[in-house]
Amino acid sequence: MSQQHGNVAHSHGAGTEIPKQSRDERIRSINPADYPAINGREEEWRFTPLARLRGLDTAELTGPAPKLEVKSPAEVNVETVGRDDARIGTSGLPDEKIASSAWASFKEATVVTIPREVEASSEVQLTYTGTELTPAAAHTVINAEAFSKAVVVVDYRGSAVLADNLEIIVGDSASLTVVAIHDWDDDAVHLAAHHAKVGRDAKLKHIAITLGGNLVRLTPNGTYAGPGGELEMLGVYFADAGQHFEQRLFVDHATESCTSNVKYKGALQGDGAHTIWVGDVLIRPTAIGINTYELNRNLVLTDGARADSVPNLEIETGEIEGAGHASATGRFDEEHLFYLRSRGISETEARRLVVRGFFNEVIQQIRVPDVERRLSDAIELELARSMV
């Protein structure tokens, strides 16, 4: 089902947008030659403006990877390894052409290991800073071993044309928070594939923040390696004029007694701002007793912006605890604005308060103070540009 109101548009539906090709039938390979050329008619690429990819879909990824700066507590191991390291590929293989090209092209990988039964004393910070616009590849592995606990922040800045894979492995009974911040300069293009595997009784909080870049496309995939796993996926994005931010999530419930909770919120302003959110949850016949919910909300602040939202839910067993989804796109809530203005608050400040409240529901769940402050400041800066 699709709804359009002037320059605001959104779409949503259950099952109507699911690819004809099942997930099990998809190619899984690190050889890009195994995939057909991308033409834009494929379900997974139909929203993406291929002309703006700057060669990531056709050229060899031979450019220099963004420079990496690491800040890490002593008890966490951060290594640079070659392509033959046995830990690469632990989370699974890519299932689309550009992620495959990135996997085949990276020269060295960064591996972060939180040792068994270790609780990191501070956050691990990986800051990637790009300086060139030549198509490039990168690869990162985050491995939280059994009974460990840590927070890892992966921060992308500068200018780049980058395709990368981020592998996340959460061992049995481990607890891991991964924050990916895309705060690129306005000329950057970034296609990121995140592959997460959650162990028995393990917890993963995956947080995606997209604030900058010309085109940013993120595809987080989550699977479970044992019962009792918990996956929480939070996202915040704020698109300005001409920016294209795309989020495509897939949660594969094939194991019993696991949970997933997805919550993404975005705002748009300016002519040509476009955001896409596609959430796909598959509940297989073996996923007995699982509980899942996904939600996407979009707030359109000006004319000329467009948000597409497509939640999908595939259920192949009736023996579940619960499953649901919700999606909505709209402008300011006039009732909220009227309430605030009736109490002497100016229209500009009232609009700022509404936007802050819209995002706070997600920001407060991040529970990484530095990230929460940075995100709140970034939203304030965005609002200052449009509400003067």
Protein backbone atom coordinates (compact mmCIF):
# COMPACT_ATOMS: atom_id res chain seq x y z
CA MET A 1 0.00 0.00 0.00
CA SER A 2 1.29 3.49 -0.83
CA GLN A 3 0.20 6.88 0.40
CA GLN A 4 1.26 10.24 -1.02
CA HIS A 5 0.53 13.75 0.22
CA GLY A 6 2.10 16.45 -1.93
CA ASN A 7 5.86 16.17 -1.51
CA VAL A 8 5.59 13.71 1.34
CA ALA A 9 5.37 10.03 0.51
CA HIS A 10 5.63 6.78 2.32
CA SER A 11 4.83 3.17 1.64
CA HIS A 12 4.19 0.26 3.91
CA GLY A 13 2.84 -3.25 3.77
CA ALA A 14 3.16 -6.81 5.01
CA GLY A 15 4.49 -9.22 2.44
CA THR A 16 3.85 -6.97 -0.58
CA GLU A 17 7.47 -5.85 -0.96
CA ILE A 18 9.24 -9.16 -0.26
CA PRO A 19 11.56 -10.28 -3.09
CA LYS A 20 10.33 -13.15 -5.21
CA GLN A 21 13.66 -14.85 -4.65
CA SER A 22 13.79 -16.29 -1.13
CA ARG A 23 16.72 -15.61 1.17
CA ASP A 24 17.83 -19.24 0.92
CA GLU A 25 17.95 -19.00 -2.88
CA ARG A 26 20.19 -15.95 -2.92
CA ILE A 27 23.79 -16.16 -4.03
CA ARG A 28 26.25 -16.09 -1.13
CA SER A 29 29.74 -15.53 -2.40
CA ILE A 30 32.79 -13.35 -1.96
CA ASN A 31 33.40 -13.50 -5.71
CA PRO A 32 31.58 -10.55 -7.34
CA ALA A 33 31.67 -12.36 -10.69
CA ASP A 34 29.10 -14.80 -9.29
CA TYR A 35 26.49 -12.00 -9.25
CA PRO A 36 24.74 -10.47 -12.24
CA ALA A 37 25.26 -6.80 -12.99
CA ILE A 38 23.06 -4.43 -10.96
CA ASN A 39 20.46 -2.71 -13.15
CA GLY A 40 18.24 -1.05 -10.53
CA ARG A 41 15.22 -3.26 -11.20
CA GLU A 42 16.12 -5.68 -8.41
CA GLU A 43 14.05 -5.37 -5.24
CA GLU A 44 17.11 -4.65 -3.09
CA TRP A 45 18.31 -1.86 -5.43
CA ARG A 46 15.07 -0.31 -6.64
CA PHE A 47 15.33 2.71 -4.34
CA THR A 48 19.07 3.31 -4.78
CA PRO A 49 20.16 5.96 -7.33
CA LEU A 50 22.87 3.92 -9.06
CA ALA A 51 24.18 6.96 -10.93
CA ARG A 52 25.31 8.43 -7.61
CA LEU A 53 27.38 5.41 -6.49
CA ARG A 54 30.58 6.85 -8.04
CA GLY A 55 31.64 3.48 -9.43
CA LEU A 56 31.04 1.26 -6.38
CA ASP A 57 28.78 -0.94 -8.51
CA THR A 58 31.03 -1.15 -11.58
CA ALA A 59 34.63 -0.14 -10.81
CA GLU A 60 37.34 -2.05 -9.02
CA LEU A 61 37.65 -1.00 -5.37
CA THR A 62 41.34 -0.13 -5.51
CA GLY A 63 41.40 3.16 -3.65
CA PRO A 64 42.99 3.59 -0.21
CA ALA A 65 40.75 2.66 2.71
CA PRO A 66 39.96 5.47 5.15
CA LYS A 67 42.60 6.01 7.82
CA LEU A 68 41.80 4.24 11.08
CA GLU A 69 42.39 5.66 14.56
CA VAL A 70 41.85 3.30 17.52
CA LYS A 71 41.19 4.10 21.16
CA SER A 72 40.77 1.00 23.26
CA PRO A 73 41.20 -0.18 26.85
CA ALA A 74 44.17 -2.48 27.46
CA GLU A 75 42.02 -5.56 28.06
CA VAL A 76 40.55 -5.43 24.54
CA ASN A 77 42.65 -6.66 21.61
CA VAL A 78 42.64 -4.67 18.36
CA GLU A 79 44.64 -6.17 15.49
CA THR A 80 45.34 -5.56 11.83
CA VAL A 81 45.25 -8.90 10.01
CA GLY A 82 45.55 -10.27 6.50
CA ARG A 83 42.79 -11.69 4.35
CA ASP A 84 43.61 -15.25 5.43
CA ASP A 85 42.75 -14.69 9.11
CA ALA A 86 40.43 -17.50 10.26
CA ARG A 87 38.07 -15.09 12.05
CA ILE A 88 37.06 -13.40 8.81
CA GLY A 89 33.77 -14.85 7.60
CA THR A 90 32.64 -16.12 11.02
CA SER A 91 29.38 -14.16 10.79
CA GLY A 92 28.43 -15.44 7.34
CA LEU A 93 28.98 -14.43 3.72
CA PRO A 94 27.54 -11.47 1.78
CA ASP A 95 24.50 -11.97 -0.43
CA GLU A 96 24.74 -8.98 -2.77
CA LYS A 97 27.23 -7.81 -5.37
CA ILE A 98 28.76 -4.66 -3.84
CA ALA A 99 29.27 -6.24 -0.40
CA SER A 100 30.90 -9.15 -2.24
CA SER A 101 33.16 -6.75 -4.15
CA ALA A 102 34.21 -5.12 -0.88
CA TRP A 103 34.90 -8.55 0.66
CA ALA A 104 37.04 -9.53 -2.33
CA SER A 105 38.93 -6.23 -2.46
CA PHE A 106 40.05 -5.29 1.06
CA LYS A 107 43.77 -5.64 1.72
CA GLU A 108 43.80 -5.75 5.52
CA ALA A 109 41.08 -6.17 8.12
CA THR A 110 40.69 -4.76 11.62
CA VAL A 111 39.74 -7.36 14.25
CA VAL A 112 38.47 -6.27 17.68
CA THR A 113 38.36 -9.05 20.29
CA ILE A 114 36.78 -8.76 23.72
CA PRO A 115 38.25 -11.81 25.51
CA ARG A 116 36.11 -14.37 27.29
CA GLU A 117 34.61 -13.18 30.61
CA VAL A 118 36.13 -9.69 30.20
CA GLU A 119 34.11 -6.52 30.76
CA ALA A 120 35.72 -3.63 28.91
CA SER A 121 36.56 -0.76 31.27
CA SER A 122 35.79 1.86 28.61
CA GLU A 123 34.41 2.12 25.11
CA VAL A 124 36.35 0.88 22.10
CA GLN A 125 36.46 3.66 19.50
CA LEU A 126 37.27 3.01 15.84
CA THR A 127 37.36 6.24 13.82
CA TYR A 128 37.62 5.93 10.04
CA THR A 129 38.54 9.19 8.29
CA GLY A 130 38.43 9.35 4.51
CA THR A 131 40.38 11.82 2.37
CA GLU A 132 39.86 10.53 -1.21
CA LEU A 133 36.95 9.85 -3.56
CA THR A 134 38.40 6.77 -5.28
CA PRO A 135 36.23 3.64 -4.80
CA ALA A 136 37.67 1.69 -1.85
CA ALA A 137 36.92 -1.27 0.42
CA ALA A 138 37.28 -1.97 4.14
CA HIS A 139 36.59 -4.88 6.49
CA THR A 140 36.09 -4.92 10.27
CA VAL A 141 35.41 -7.81 12.65
CA ILE A 142 34.10 -7.34 16.20
CA ASN A 143 34.25 -10.54 18.23
CA ALA A 144 32.78 -10.52 21.74
CA GLU A 145 33.75 -13.86 23.23
CA ALA A 146 31.55 -15.79 25.66
CA PHE A 147 30.46 -13.97 28.85
CA SER A 148 32.17 -10.72 27.80
CA LYS A 149 30.71 -7.22 27.84
CA ALA A 150 31.69 -4.15 25.80
CA VAL A 151 30.66 -1.08 23.84
CA VAL A 152 32.26 -0.49 20.42
CA VAL A 153 31.77 2.79 18.52
CA VAL A 154 32.60 2.81 14.80
CA ASP A 155 32.78 6.40 13.55
CA TYR A 156 32.97 7.37 9.85
CA ARG A 157 34.13 10.88 8.90
CA GLY A 158 35.64 12.87 6.05
CA SER A 159 35.29 12.22 2.32
CA ALA A 160 35.22 8.73 0.81
CA VAL A 161 33.66 6.42 -1.73
CA LEU A 162 33.56 3.28 0.38
CA ALA A 163 32.02 -0.17 0.42
CA ASP A 164 32.70 -2.12 3.58
CA ASN A 165 31.65 -5.15 5.60
CA LEU A 166 31.33 -5.11 9.37
CA GLU A 167 31.15 -8.52 11.03
CA ILE A 168 29.74 -8.76 14.56
CA ILE A 169 30.02 -12.02 16.51
CA VAL A 170 28.48 -12.17 19.98
CA GLY A 171 29.51 -15.27 21.92
CA ASP A 172 27.29 -17.23 24.28
CA SER A 173 26.01 -15.10 27.20
CA ALA A 174 28.01 -12.07 26.00
CA SER A 175 26.60 -8.54 25.94
CA LEU A 176 27.73 -6.19 23.17
CA THR A 177 26.70 -2.72 22.03
CA VAL A 178 27.88 -1.61 18.58
CA VAL A 179 27.30 2.00 17.49
CA ALA A 180 27.91 2.92 13.84
CA ILE A 181 28.00 6.69 13.24
CA HIS A 182 27.95 7.92 9.64
CA ASP A 183 28.94 11.58 9.91
CA TRP A 184 30.55 11.99 6.51
CA ASP A 185 31.21 15.17 4.56
CA ASP A 186 28.59 16.08 1.96
CA ASP A 187 30.45 14.43 -0.94
CA ALA A 188 30.84 10.96 0.60
CA VAL A 189 29.25 7.75 -0.69
CA HIS A 190 29.14 4.79 1.70
CA LEU A 191 27.60 1.35 1.26
CA ALA A 192 27.92 -0.66 4.49
CA ALA A 193 26.90 -4.27 5.07
CA HIS A 194 26.70 -5.39 8.70
CA HIS A 195 26.60 -9.11 9.44
CA ALA A 196 25.68 -10.01 13.04
CA LYS A 197 25.51 -13.44 14.68
CA VAL A 198 24.11 -13.63 18.22
CA GLY A 199 25.02 -16.60 20.40
CA ARG A 200 23.06 -18.54 22.99
CA ASP A 201 21.62 -16.24 25.70
CA ALA A 202 23.67 -13.38 24.22
CA LYS A 203 22.60 -9.74 23.78
CA LEU A 204 23.45 -7.39 20.92
CA LYS A 205 22.39 -3.76 20.75
CA HIS A 206 23.09 -2.45 17.25
CA ILE A 207 22.76 1.33 16.82
CA ALA A 208 22.94 3.04 13.43
CA ILE A 209 23.24 6.85 13.25
CA THR A 210 23.30 8.57 9.85
CA LEU A 211 23.91 12.31 9.77
CA GLY A 212 26.16 13.05 6.80
CA GLY A 213 27.13 12.00 3.31
CA ASN A 214 25.76 12.36 -0.18
CA LEU A 215 24.51 8.76 -0.28
CA VAL A 216 24.66 6.32 2.63
CA ARG A 217 23.17 2.82 2.32
CA LEU A 218 23.26 0.51 5.34
CA THR A 219 22.21 -3.16 5.32
CA PRO A 220 22.37 -4.75 8.80
CA ASN A 221 21.58 -8.51 8.91
CA GLY A 222 21.03 -10.43 12.15
CA THR A 223 21.03 -14.18 12.78
CA TYR A 224 21.10 -16.37 15.89
CA ALA A 225 23.56 -19.13 16.82
CA GLY A 226 21.54 -20.49 19.75
CA PRO A 227 18.33 -20.07 21.75
CA GLY A 228 17.83 -17.17 24.14
CA GLY A 229 19.54 -14.59 21.94
CA GLU A 230 18.39 -10.96 22.07
CA LEU A 231 18.86 -8.48 19.23
CA GLU A 232 17.95 -4.81 19.58
CA MET A 233 18.38 -2.58 16.53
CA LEU A 234 18.04 1.18 16.99
CA GLY A 235 18.46 3.83 14.33
CA VAL A 236 18.41 7.61 13.96
CA TYR A 237 18.86 9.53 10.70
CA PHE A 238 18.47 13.17 9.63
CA ALA A 239 18.60 13.94 5.90
CA ASP A 240 19.13 17.39 4.37
CA ALA A 241 18.56 18.65 0.82
CA GLY A 242 19.82 16.22 -1.80
CA GLN A 243 20.92 13.53 0.66
CA HIS A 244 19.93 9.89 0.14
CA PHE A 245 19.93 7.74 3.30
CA GLU A 246 18.85 4.13 2.92
CA GLN A 247 18.45 1.51 5.65
CA ARG A 248 17.65 -2.12 4.78
CA LEU A 249 17.43 -4.50 7.74
CA PHE A 250 16.98 -8.25 7.83
CA VAL A 251 16.46 -10.36 10.96
CA ASP A 252 16.51 -14.12 10.41
CA HIS A 253 14.70 -16.00 13.20
CA ALA A 254 15.65 -19.65 12.70
CA THR A 255 16.29 -20.52 16.36
CA GLU A 256 13.78 -20.98 19.16
CA SER A 257 13.20 -18.64 22.11
CA CYS A 258 14.97 -15.58 20.66
CA THR A 259 13.84 -11.96 20.54
CA SER A 260 14.34 -8.98 18.24
CA ASN A 261 13.24 -5.39 18.65
CA VAL A 262 13.78 -2.84 15.86
CA LYS A 263 13.15 0.89 16.27
CA TYR A 264 14.27 3.48 13.69
CA LYS A 265 13.34 7.17 13.56
CA GLY A 266 14.27 9.72 10.93
CA ALA A 267 13.69 13.33 9.95
CA LEU A 268 14.00 15.02 6.57
CA GLN A 269 14.28 18.60 5.38
CA GLY A 270 15.16 20.32 2.12
CA ASP A 271 14.48 19.72 -1.54
CA GLY A 272 15.43 16.22 -2.71
CA ALA A 273 16.07 14.77 0.74
CA HIS A 274 15.16 11.10 0.49
CA THR A 275 15.20 8.37 3.12
CA ILE A 276 14.36 4.70 2.71
CA TRP A 277 13.75 2.23 5.48
CA VAL A 278 13.03 -1.43 4.69
CA GLY A 279 12.67 -3.83 7.61
CA ASP A 280 12.40 -7.54 6.85
CA VAL A 281 11.87 -10.13 9.61
CA LEU A 282 11.72 -13.82 8.71
CA ILE A 283 10.33 -16.27 11.27
CA ARG A 284 11.21 -19.79 10.12
CA PRO A 285 9.36 -22.99 11.10
CA THR A 286 12.08 -23.76 13.67
CA ALA A 287 11.71 -20.39 15.44
CA ILE A 288 9.35 -21.57 18.16
CA GLY A 289 8.60 -19.20 21.03
CA ILE A 290 10.23 -16.11 19.53
CA ASN A 291 9.13 -12.51 20.00
CA THR A 292 9.75 -9.76 17.44
CA TYR A 293 8.64 -6.21 16.71
CA GLU A 294 9.81 -3.54 14.26
CA LEU A 295 8.91 0.14 14.11
CA ASN A 296 9.81 2.99 11.79
CA ARG A 297 8.71 6.62 12.15
CA ASN A 298 9.58 9.51 9.83
CA LEU A 299 9.06 13.24 10.35
CA VAL A 300 9.05 15.41 7.22
CA LEU A 301 9.96 19.00 8.12
CA THR A 302 9.78 20.76 4.74
CA ASP A 303 8.33 20.44 1.27
CA GLY A 304 10.40 18.60 -1.32
CA ALA A 305 11.43 15.72 0.95
CA ARG A 306 10.36 12.09 0.59
CA ALA A 307 10.39 9.12 2.98
CA ASP A 308 9.73 5.52 1.96
CA SER A 309 9.03 3.01 4.72
CA VAL A 310 8.45 -0.70 4.06
CA PRO A 311 8.07 -3.10 7.02
CA ASN A 312 7.95 -6.79 6.08
CA LEU A 313 7.08 -9.74 8.30
CA GLU A 314 7.22 -13.36 7.11
CA ILE A 315 5.85 -15.92 9.56
CA GLU A 316 6.27 -19.63 8.85
CA THR A 317 5.16 -20.99 12.22
CA GLY A 318 2.21 -20.31 14.50
CA GLU A 319 4.11 -21.22 17.68
CA ILE A 320 5.46 -17.78 18.54
CA GLU A 321 5.14 -15.45 21.52
CA GLY A 322 4.47 -12.36 19.45
CA ALA A 323 5.22 -10.56 16.19
CA GLY A 324 4.28 -7.16 14.85
CA HIS A 325 5.36 -4.04 13.01
CA ALA A 326 4.39 -0.41 12.53
CA SER A 327 5.32 2.38 10.15
CA ALA A 328 4.29 6.01 9.80
CA THR A 329 5.41 9.15 7.99
CA GLY A 330 4.02 12.64 8.51
CA ARG A 331 4.53 16.28 9.29
CA PHE A 332 4.42 18.06 12.66
CA ASP A 333 1.65 17.05 15.01
CA GLU A 334 -0.55 20.15 14.96
CA GLU A 335 -2.10 19.26 18.32
CA HIS A 336 1.32 19.23 19.97
CA LEU A 337 2.20 22.55 18.35
CA PHE A 338 -1.10 24.12 19.45
CA TYR A 339 -0.61 22.86 23.02
CA LEU A 340 2.87 24.38 23.25
CA ARG A 341 1.95 27.68 21.59
CA SER A 342 -1.07 28.07 23.85
CA ARG A 343 1.40 28.18 26.73
CA GLY A 344 3.34 31.09 25.35
CA ILE A 345 6.03 29.17 23.46
CA SER A 346 6.98 30.60 20.07
CA GLU A 347 6.23 28.56 16.95
CA THR A 348 9.93 28.07 16.19
CA GLU A 349 10.72 26.80 19.67
CA ALA A 350 7.58 24.65 19.71
CA ARG A 351 8.70 22.94 16.51
CA ARG A 352 12.13 22.32 18.01
CA LEU A 353 10.56 20.77 21.09
CA VAL A 354 8.40 18.47 18.97
CA VAL A 355 11.43 17.25 16.99
CA ARG A 356 13.49 16.73 20.14
CA GLY A 357 10.67 14.71 21.68
CA PHE A 358 10.32 12.69 18.48
CA PHE A 359 13.96 11.56 18.64
CA ASN A 360 14.34 11.29 22.42
CA GLU A 361 12.47 7.99 22.57
CA VAL A 362 15.34 6.38 20.66
CA ILE A 363 18.22 8.50 21.96
CA GLN A 364 17.46 7.61 25.58
CA GLN A 365 17.71 3.92 24.74
CA ILE A 366 21.25 4.21 23.37
CA ARG A 367 22.75 4.47 26.88
CA VAL A 368 26.18 5.54 25.66
CA PRO A 369 26.46 9.08 27.13
CA ASP A 370 29.02 10.48 24.67
CA VAL A 371 27.00 9.20 21.70
CA GLU A 372 23.73 10.54 23.12
CA ARG A 373 25.25 14.00 23.62
CA ARG A 374 26.78 14.05 20.16
CA LEU A 375 23.54 12.98 18.53
CA SER A 376 21.49 15.54 20.45
CA ASP A 377 23.94 18.29 19.45
CA ALA A 378 23.80 17.19 15.80
CA ILE A 379 20.00 17.32 15.80
CA GLU A 380 20.08 20.80 17.34
CA LEU A 381 22.46 21.91 14.59
CA GLU A 382 20.18 20.50 11.90
CA LEU A 383 17.19 22.27 13.42
CA ALA A 384 19.09 25.56 13.60
CA ARG A 385 19.59 25.41 9.82
CA SER A 386 15.90 25.15 9.03
CA MET A 387 14.13 26.93 11.91
CA VAL A 388 15.70 30.35 12.04
